[in-house]
Protein backbone atom coordinates (compact mmCIF):
# COMPACT_ATOMS: atom_id res chain seq x y z
CA MET A 1 8.52 -7.84 25.00
CA SER A 2 12.04 -7.79 23.56
CA PHE A 3 13.34 -5.00 21.36
CA PHE A 4 15.77 -5.60 18.52
CA PRO A 5 17.31 -2.31 17.33
CA LYS A 6 16.34 -1.61 13.75
CA PHE A 7 17.48 2.00 13.46
CA ASP A 8 20.67 4.01 13.93
CA HIS A 9 21.74 5.37 17.32
CA GLN A 10 19.36 3.03 19.15
CA LYS A 11 16.37 5.00 17.88
CA ARG A 12 12.98 3.33 17.88
CA TYR A 13 11.96 5.09 14.68
CA LEU A 14 13.64 5.84 11.34
CA PRO A 15 15.22 9.31 11.63
CA ILE A 16 15.64 11.37 8.48
CA SER A 17 19.39 11.49 9.14
CA GLN A 18 19.57 7.71 8.68
CA TYR A 19 17.48 7.87 5.52
CA TYR A 20 19.84 10.47 4.04
CA ARG A 21 22.92 8.49 4.99
CA GLU A 22 21.54 5.33 3.39
CA LYS A 23 20.40 7.29 0.32
CA PHE A 24 23.57 9.29 -0.29
CA GLY A 25 26.26 7.45 1.65
CA PHE A 26 27.18 10.48 3.78
CA ARG A 27 25.67 13.10 6.07
CA VAL A 28 23.29 15.57 4.44
CA GLN A 29 21.61 18.65 5.94
CA LYS A 30 18.76 20.82 4.66
CA VAL A 31 19.36 24.55 4.17
CA SER A 32 16.15 26.59 4.42
CA VAL A 33 15.57 29.58 2.18
CA SER A 34 12.51 31.81 1.65
CA ILE A 35 11.44 32.90 -1.82
CA ALA A 36 7.63 32.57 -1.81
CA LYS A 37 5.71 35.52 -0.42
CA THR A 38 2.12 34.31 -0.19
CA CYS A 39 -0.34 31.43 -0.55
CA PRO A 40 -3.91 30.82 -1.83
CA ASN A 41 -5.45 31.61 1.55
CA ARG A 42 -3.67 34.93 1.94
CA GLU A 43 -4.88 35.88 -1.52
CA GLY A 44 -8.46 34.99 -0.57
CA LEU A 45 -8.80 32.28 -3.20
CA ALA A 46 -10.14 29.72 -0.73
CA GLY A 47 -12.40 32.13 1.10
CA MET A 48 -9.88 32.38 3.95
CA LYS A 49 -7.41 35.04 5.04
CA THR A 50 -4.88 32.59 6.41
CA CYS A 51 -4.65 29.22 8.10
CA ILE A 52 -5.57 29.49 11.76
CA PHE A 53 -2.02 28.74 12.97
CA CYS A 54 0.06 30.66 10.42
CA ASP A 55 1.90 33.85 11.37
CA GLU A 56 3.28 36.56 9.11
CA TRP A 57 6.40 34.52 8.38
CA GLY A 58 4.57 31.65 6.69
CA SER A 59 6.70 28.94 8.35
CA ALA A 60 9.93 30.66 7.35
CA PRO A 61 13.07 29.82 9.36
CA ALA A 62 13.94 31.91 12.40
CA PHE A 63 16.56 34.09 10.74
CA VAL A 64 15.12 35.76 7.66
CA GLN A 65 16.28 38.97 6.02
CA ALA A 66 13.54 40.19 3.70
CA ASP A 67 16.01 42.00 1.46
CA TRP A 68 18.37 39.04 1.01
CA THR A 69 18.35 37.18 -2.27
CA MET A 70 17.90 33.43 -2.35
CA LEU A 71 21.61 32.91 -2.96
CA GLU A 72 22.55 35.19 -0.07
CA GLN A 73 20.27 33.21 2.23
CA LEU A 74 21.63 29.91 0.94
CA LYS A 75 25.28 30.83 1.40
CA TYR A 76 24.75 32.25 4.88
CA HIS A 77 22.74 29.29 6.22
CA ARG A 78 24.89 26.69 4.43
CA GLU A 79 28.07 27.86 6.14
CA ARG A 80 26.35 28.18 9.52
CA ILE A 81 24.98 24.65 9.24
CA ARG A 82 28.29 23.33 7.92
CA LYS A 83 30.05 24.50 11.08
CA ARG A 84 27.32 23.38 13.47
CA TYR A 85 26.70 19.89 12.08
CA LYS A 86 30.04 19.18 10.39
CA ALA A 87 28.16 18.51 7.15
CA ASN A 88 29.58 18.98 3.67
CA LYS A 89 26.58 18.22 1.44
CA PHE A 90 23.25 20.00 1.46
CA LEU A 91 19.69 20.09 0.15
CA VAL A 92 18.13 23.49 -0.50
CA TYR A 93 14.73 23.65 1.20
CA PHE A 94 12.30 26.19 -0.26
CA GLN A 95 10.30 26.37 2.95
CA SER A 96 8.06 29.36 3.52
CA TYR A 97 4.51 29.90 2.25
CA THR A 98 3.47 28.01 -0.94
CA ASN A 99 6.29 27.64 -3.43
CA THR A 100 4.13 26.41 -6.32
CA PHE A 101 1.61 29.24 -6.03
CA GLY A 102 3.58 31.93 -7.84
CA ARG A 103 5.09 31.90 -11.31
CA LEU A 104 6.57 28.50 -12.05
CA SER A 105 9.34 30.12 -14.08
CA ASP A 106 10.59 31.84 -10.91
CA LEU A 107 10.73 28.57 -9.00
CA LYS A 108 12.57 26.87 -11.86
CA LYS A 109 15.11 29.67 -11.97
CA ARG A 110 15.75 29.49 -8.23
CA CYS A 111 16.14 25.71 -8.34
CA ASP A 112 18.64 26.01 -11.19
CA GLU A 113 20.60 28.65 -9.29
CA ALA A 114 20.64 26.57 -6.12
CA LEU A 115 21.89 23.43 -7.86
CA GLN A 116 24.82 25.34 -9.30
CA GLN A 117 26.09 26.24 -5.84
CA LYS A 118 28.87 24.48 -3.99
CA ASP A 119 27.98 21.21 -2.23
CA ILE A 120 24.27 21.37 -3.14
CA ILE A 121 23.05 17.89 -4.14
CA GLY A 122 19.28 18.27 -4.25
CA ILE A 123 16.12 20.31 -3.77
CA VAL A 124 13.25 20.24 -1.26
CA ILE A 125 10.06 22.19 -2.08
CA GLY A 126 7.32 23.00 0.40
CA THR A 127 3.77 23.39 -0.91
CA ARG A 128 0.07 22.61 -0.40
CA PRO A 129 -2.05 19.76 -1.79
CA ASP A 130 -4.30 22.23 -3.60
CA CYS A 131 -1.38 23.92 -5.38
CA LEU A 132 -0.15 21.24 -7.74
CA PRO A 133 -1.05 22.39 -11.27
CA LYS A 134 -0.06 20.24 -14.23
CA GLY A 135 2.89 22.48 -14.97
CA ALA A 136 4.30 21.98 -11.48
CA LEU A 137 3.89 18.20 -11.67
CA LYS A 138 5.66 18.17 -15.03
CA PHE A 139 8.48 20.27 -13.61
CA PHE A 140 8.82 17.92 -10.64
CA GLY A 141 9.17 14.99 -13.02
CA GLU A 142 11.87 16.74 -15.02
CA LEU A 143 13.78 17.84 -11.93
CA ALA A 144 13.52 14.45 -10.20
CA SER A 145 15.08 12.83 -13.26
CA GLN A 146 18.13 15.09 -12.88
CA THR A 147 18.69 15.40 -9.13
CA TYR A 148 17.29 14.44 -5.73
CA LEU A 149 13.91 16.10 -5.26
CA SER A 150 11.60 15.99 -2.26
CA ILE A 151 8.18 17.61 -2.01
CA GLU A 152 7.01 18.52 1.50
CA LEU A 153 3.23 18.63 1.43
CA GLY A 154 1.20 20.40 4.12
CA ILE A 155 -1.52 17.82 4.68
CA GLN A 156 -1.93 18.63 8.41
CA THR A 157 -4.86 16.23 8.87
CA PHE A 158 -7.09 13.92 6.84
CA ASN A 159 -10.19 14.90 8.84
CA ASP A 160 -12.49 17.35 7.03
CA GLU A 161 -13.89 18.93 10.21
CA GLN A 162 -10.40 19.58 11.48
CA LEU A 163 -9.27 20.95 8.12
CA SER A 164 -12.18 23.38 8.40
CA PHE A 165 -11.07 24.35 11.93
CA LEU A 166 -7.54 24.95 10.63
CA ARG A 167 -9.03 27.07 7.80
CA ARG A 168 -7.01 25.20 5.23
CA GLY A 169 -9.41 25.79 2.35
CA HIS A 170 -9.21 22.23 1.01
CA ASP A 171 -10.60 18.86 2.04
CA ARG A 172 -9.32 15.35 2.66
CA GLU A 173 -9.90 14.16 -0.88
CA VAL A 174 -7.72 16.93 -2.31
CA SER A 175 -4.86 15.74 -0.10
CA ILE A 176 -5.28 12.11 -1.10
CA GLN A 177 -5.40 12.92 -4.80
CA ALA A 178 -2.33 15.15 -4.47
CA LEU A 179 -0.36 12.34 -2.87
CA LYS A 180 -1.45 9.93 -5.59
CA GLN A 181 -0.38 12.36 -8.31
CA LEU A 182 3.01 12.89 -6.71
CA ARG A 183 3.51 9.15 -6.26
CA GLU A 184 3.25 8.70 -10.03
CA ILE A 185 6.43 10.74 -10.50
CA GLN A 186 9.52 8.56 -10.70
CA ASN A 187 12.37 9.16 -8.24
CA LEU A 188 10.34 11.70 -6.25
CA ASN A 189 10.56 11.74 -2.46
CA ILE A 190 7.31 12.71 -0.70
CA CYS A 191 7.20 14.07 2.85
CA THR A 192 3.85 14.85 4.49
CA HIS A 193 3.33 17.36 7.29
CA LEU A 194 0.82 16.40 9.99
CA ILE A 195 -0.45 18.38 12.99
CA PHE A 196 -1.53 16.65 16.21
CA GLY A 197 -3.56 18.26 18.96
CA ILE A 198 -6.39 19.62 16.81
CA PRO A 199 -9.77 19.78 18.61
CA GLY A 200 -11.79 16.60 18.10
CA GLU A 201 -8.76 14.45 17.38
CA SER A 202 -9.11 10.76 18.30
CA ASP A 203 -6.73 7.85 18.67
CA GLN A 204 -8.51 6.01 15.88
CA GLN A 205 -7.98 8.97 13.59
CA LEU A 206 -4.21 8.83 14.19
CA VAL A 207 -4.14 5.12 13.43
CA GLU A 208 -6.11 5.67 10.25
CA ALA A 209 -3.76 8.47 9.19
CA ALA A 210 -0.77 6.18 9.61
CA ASN A 211 -2.49 3.42 7.65
CA LEU A 212 -3.37 5.83 4.85
CA LEU A 213 0.21 7.08 4.57
CA ASN A 214 1.38 3.46 4.45
CA GLU A 215 -1.09 2.73 1.67
CA LEU A 216 -0.07 5.81 -0.31
CA SER A 217 3.62 4.89 0.02
CA VAL A 218 4.90 8.25 1.24
CA ASP A 219 8.59 8.49 2.05
CA GLY A 220 8.59 10.75 5.08
CA VAL A 221 6.51 12.44 7.77
CA LYS A 222 7.10 15.66 9.66
CA LEU A 223 5.05 15.94 12.86
CA HIS A 224 3.93 19.13 14.57
CA ASN A 225 1.77 19.95 17.57
CA LEU A 226 -0.77 22.72 17.19
CA HIS A 227 0.72 25.69 19.06
CA VAL A 228 -0.28 29.33 19.42
CA LEU A 229 1.72 32.18 17.92
CA LYS A 230 1.06 35.89 18.26
CA ASN A 231 -0.90 37.65 15.53
CA THR A 232 -2.66 34.52 14.32
CA PRO A 233 -6.37 33.62 14.28
CA LEU A 234 -5.53 30.81 16.71
CA ALA A 235 -4.24 33.38 19.19
CA GLU A 236 -7.66 35.00 19.14
CA GLU A 237 -9.32 31.64 19.83
CA TYR A 238 -6.86 30.94 22.63
CA ASN A 239 -7.36 34.34 24.27
CA ALA A 240 -11.14 33.86 24.06
CA GLY A 241 -10.83 30.53 25.87
CA ASN A 242 -11.92 28.50 22.84
CA PHE A 243 -8.68 26.55 22.36
CA SER A 244 -6.25 24.85 24.71
CA PRO A 245 -2.99 23.46 23.27
CA ILE A 246 -2.08 19.86 23.92
CA GLU A 247 0.33 19.15 26.78
CA LEU A 248 3.54 17.25 26.15
CA PRO A 249 2.59 13.94 27.85
CA ASP A 250 -0.60 13.58 25.79
CA TYR A 251 1.13 14.71 22.62
CA ALA A 252 3.89 12.15 23.16
CA ARG A 253 1.33 9.41 23.69
CA ARG A 254 -0.36 10.27 20.38
CA VAL A 255 2.96 10.33 18.53
CA VAL A 256 3.86 6.91 19.91
CA LEU A 257 0.50 5.49 18.82
CA PHE A 258 0.96 6.96 15.35
CA LEU A 259 4.51 5.62 15.02
CA GLU A 260 3.50 2.12 16.12
CA ASN A 261 1.18 1.99 13.11
CA LEU A 262 3.55 3.61 10.61
CA ASP A 263 5.59 1.62 8.09
CA GLN A 264 9.24 1.38 9.14
CA ARG A 265 10.35 2.54 5.70
CA ILE A 266 8.81 6.00 6.24
CA SER A 267 11.40 8.40 7.64
CA ILE A 268 10.62 10.81 10.47
CA HIS A 269 11.75 14.36 9.77
CA ARG A 270 10.58 15.81 13.07
CA LEU A 271 8.77 14.55 16.16
CA SER A 272 7.31 17.88 17.31
CA ALA A 273 7.15 21.56 16.43
CA VAL A 274 9.70 24.05 17.66
CA ALA A 275 8.85 27.75 17.89
CA PRO A 276 11.64 29.46 15.90
CA ARG A 277 10.79 32.86 17.41
CA TRP A 278 10.32 32.47 21.14
CA ASP A 279 9.00 36.00 21.60
CA GLU A 280 6.04 35.14 19.33
CA LEU A 281 5.06 31.92 21.12
CA ILE A 282 2.00 32.19 23.36
CA ALA A 283 1.45 28.53 24.28
CA PRO A 284 2.45 25.88 25.13
CA GLU A 285 5.74 26.76 26.81
CA TRP A 286 7.33 23.44 25.91
CA ASN A 287 7.45 24.54 22.28
CA LYS A 288 10.43 26.69 23.18
CA GLU A 289 12.46 23.57 23.85
CA LYS A 290 14.04 21.77 20.93
CA MET A 291 15.45 18.66 22.57
CA ARG A 292 13.14 17.86 25.51
CA PRO A 293 9.99 17.00 23.50
CA ALA A 294 11.90 14.60 21.24
CA GLN A 295 13.64 13.01 24.22
CA TYR A 296 10.33 12.70 26.05
CA ILE A 297 8.83 10.84 23.08
CA GLU A 298 11.88 8.60 22.75
CA ASN A 299 11.77 7.81 26.46
CA LEU A 300 8.10 6.90 26.18
CA LEU A 301 8.84 4.57 23.28
CA ALA A 302 11.50 2.86 25.39
CA LYS A 303 9.31 2.70 28.48
CA ARG A 304 6.54 1.01 26.52
CA GLU A 305 9.05 -1.24 24.73
CA THR A 306 7.60 -0.25 21.39
CA TRP A 307 8.84 1.22 18.11
CA GLN A 308 7.82 2.45 14.67
CA GLY A 309 5.82 -0.21 12.86
CA ARG A 310 5.51 -2.56 15.84
CA ILE A 311 1.76 -3.04 15.45
CA LEU A 312 2.21 -3.74 11.74
CA GLU A 313 4.70 -6.48 12.64
CA THR A 314 2.24 -7.96 15.12
CA VAL A 315 -0.59 -7.99 12.58
CA SER A 316 1.54 -9.55 9.84
C-alpha cells in the first residue's frame, strides 16, 4: 500500500497546527486561562458529585494561581508560550470546569477583555453538552460573527453505559443535539473531546463515533485516555481493583482505528492525555510523558501504512 503525504511535516493525520496555519496564514497557539469555578455535577444538579475522572482542578492547566485575575493569567502564559513556541498570535482558551454554567455576563466580560489584549485573535471556550442554554448559543453566534470562536465540547463518549460509568450526568442524545445546535451557528469551530479506554469499549464503537462526528461535521477532535488521578472517584475504583487503565499499545491501536475512519478535514488537537501534575497521577505511568505516546501512535500509523480517513477513501 503506497502512502501519499496529505498533511504537514509528514504527519498521517491533520494536526491542529496545520489547521491554524491554513486558517490564519501564520502560527497560532492557545493560551489557557481559568475563570470558571464549578460545573453542574459539582453543584449536584445531575445527581452526581463530580465526573469519575475529574480532580479538584477541573482540567485546569498545570500552573494555576487561584488569586490571579484572568488578565494576569493570560499575560503570564502568553509570554511563556511566545518564547517557547516562537508564536506571535494567540487564542485565549477558557479551559477549566464549565464556562457556560455561571453567569453569562461574566463570560462575555472576560471574552471582551481578552480580545482587547495584544496579539489575541480569537476565543476558545470549554463546556459541556448539557450546558448550552439559549443565551449562550446566541452569544456564540454574536461572537463568532466578530472573531474566531471555537467551542470545545466534553462529549467523552457516545455510549450511554459508559457515560453512566463516567458519571457525566447526561446521555448520548444530549451530546448529539448539542452538536447539531452548535453546527447551526455560522463561522463557529467545534472541537469534541473523546476519552478512550473506558470499560466496555469496543472497536465498533470507535468506528461509529468517527462516523457520527463525520456526519455532524465537527471541525476538530481532542483525544484522551482514561487515566487515574489522586482524589478522584476513579482513584477509589482503581484502588479497589475495579478499574485498570489502558496500556499504550492498545490505546494506540484504538486511536489508529478511529483515525482511519475520521474525515481528513477534522483536525486533531491531541492524540492522548498528558498529566499536567505528575505528583497527582496514579496510573498509567506513560501519562507522564508528553512526546512518547504521540510518537508511538505516529509510528504505528507508519508501520501499518495507514492514515486519517484511509478507510473512507477505500469505501468511496
